[in-house]
Amino acid sequence: MRRFYHESGINFGVFATRYRGELRDNPASLEPLMRLARQSRLTLLSAARDLEASFLPILREAVLAALNGESLEASDEITASP
């Protein structure tokens, strides 16, 4: 998706929607990043000149949401147990 965004010139809104969809439809793709983030600080790098118009904010948002979801699931299990 990122390559398509840069090569074909689709606008950022279309790219962001499609990229979020790819991440949502394939949550396993976030697992390596989540594993690293659980161990220590995770730094995402890019060669993009405009970071706000790149995949990084979207990826960061997805990783944080997934980690937050894990935390919520864990707290639900703790409060649900007798």
Protein backbone atom coordinates (compact mmCIF):
# COMPACT_ATOMS: atom_id res chain seq x y z
CA MET A 1 0.00 0.00 0.00
CA ARG A 2 2.79 2.42 0.87
CA ARG A 3 4.55 1.77 -2.42
CA PHE A 4 1.28 2.29 -4.32
CA TYR A 5 0.77 5.59 -2.48
CA HIS A 6 4.17 6.90 -3.51
CA GLU A 7 4.21 5.57 -7.06
CA SER A 8 0.67 6.29 -8.21
CA GLY A 9 0.05 9.57 -6.50
CA ILE A 10 -3.24 8.75 -4.74
CA ASN A 11 -4.17 11.38 -2.19
CA PHE A 12 -3.33 10.94 1.47
CA GLY A 13 -6.94 10.49 2.58
CA VAL A 14 -7.42 7.49 0.29
CA PHE A 15 -4.07 6.05 1.32
CA ALA A 16 -4.80 6.48 5.03
CA THR A 17 -8.19 4.78 4.76
CA ARG A 18 -6.79 1.84 2.81
CA TYR A 19 -3.73 1.47 5.03
CA ARG A 20 -5.87 1.48 8.20
CA GLY A 21 -8.06 -1.16 6.56
CA GLU A 22 -5.04 -3.34 5.77
CA LEU A 23 -3.82 -3.07 9.35
CA ARG A 24 -7.29 -3.80 10.73
CA ASP A 25 -7.76 -6.81 8.42
CA ASN A 26 -4.33 -8.24 9.25
CA PRO A 27 -3.74 -7.66 12.98
CA ALA A 28 -0.95 -10.26 13.02
CA SER A 29 1.18 -7.82 11.02
CA LEU A 30 1.42 -5.63 14.14
CA GLU A 31 2.60 -8.41 16.45
CA PRO A 32 6.36 -7.99 15.86
CA LEU A 33 6.13 -4.26 16.59
CA MET A 34 3.94 -4.87 19.62
CA ARG A 35 6.45 -7.41 20.94
CA LEU A 36 9.25 -4.85 20.63
CA ALA A 37 7.13 -2.10 22.18
CA ARG A 38 6.36 -4.29 25.19
CA GLN A 39 10.09 -4.85 25.79
CA SER A 40 11.28 -1.26 25.52
CA ARG A 41 10.84 1.96 23.64
CA LEU A 42 9.94 1.43 19.98
CA THR A 43 11.25 3.93 17.43
CA LEU A 44 9.71 3.97 13.97
CA LEU A 45 11.93 5.30 11.19
CA SER A 46 11.19 6.55 7.71
CA ALA A 47 12.89 8.37 4.88
CA ALA A 48 9.74 10.41 4.28
CA ARG A 49 10.27 14.14 4.20
CA ASP A 50 6.77 14.88 5.50
CA LEU A 51 6.25 12.48 8.38
CA GLU A 52 2.67 13.59 9.00
CA ALA A 53 1.75 12.64 5.42
CA SER A 54 3.43 9.25 5.69
CA PHE A 55 2.42 5.86 7.00
CA LEU A 56 4.14 6.44 10.36
CA PRO A 57 1.36 8.25 12.25
CA ILE A 58 -1.12 5.62 11.07
CA LEU A 59 1.16 2.75 12.06
CA ARG A 60 1.88 4.37 15.43
CA GLU A 61 -1.84 4.81 16.06
CA ALA A 62 -2.51 1.16 15.14
CA VAL A 63 0.24 -0.20 17.40
CA LEU A 64 -0.86 1.95 20.34
CA ALA A 65 -4.51 0.94 19.84
CA ALA A 66 -3.57 -2.74 19.71
CA LEU A 67 -1.48 -2.46 22.88
CA ASN A 68 -4.29 -0.55 24.56
CA GLY A 69 -6.73 -3.26 23.48
CA GLU A 70 -4.52 -5.88 25.10
CA SER A 71 -4.50 -3.88 28.32
CA LEU A 72 -8.28 -3.57 28.30
CA GLU A 73 -8.71 -7.30 27.62
CA ALA A 74 -6.34 -8.15 30.46
CA SER A 75 -8.15 -5.86 32.91
CA ASP A 76 -11.51 -7.34 31.84
CA GLU A 77 -10.18 -10.84 32.55
CA ILE A 78 -8.96 -9.78 35.97
CA THR A 79 -12.28 -8.18 36.97
CA ALA A 80 -14.30 -11.05 35.48
CA SER A 81 -12.51 -13.77 37.43
CA PRO A 82 -14.08 -14.86 40.76
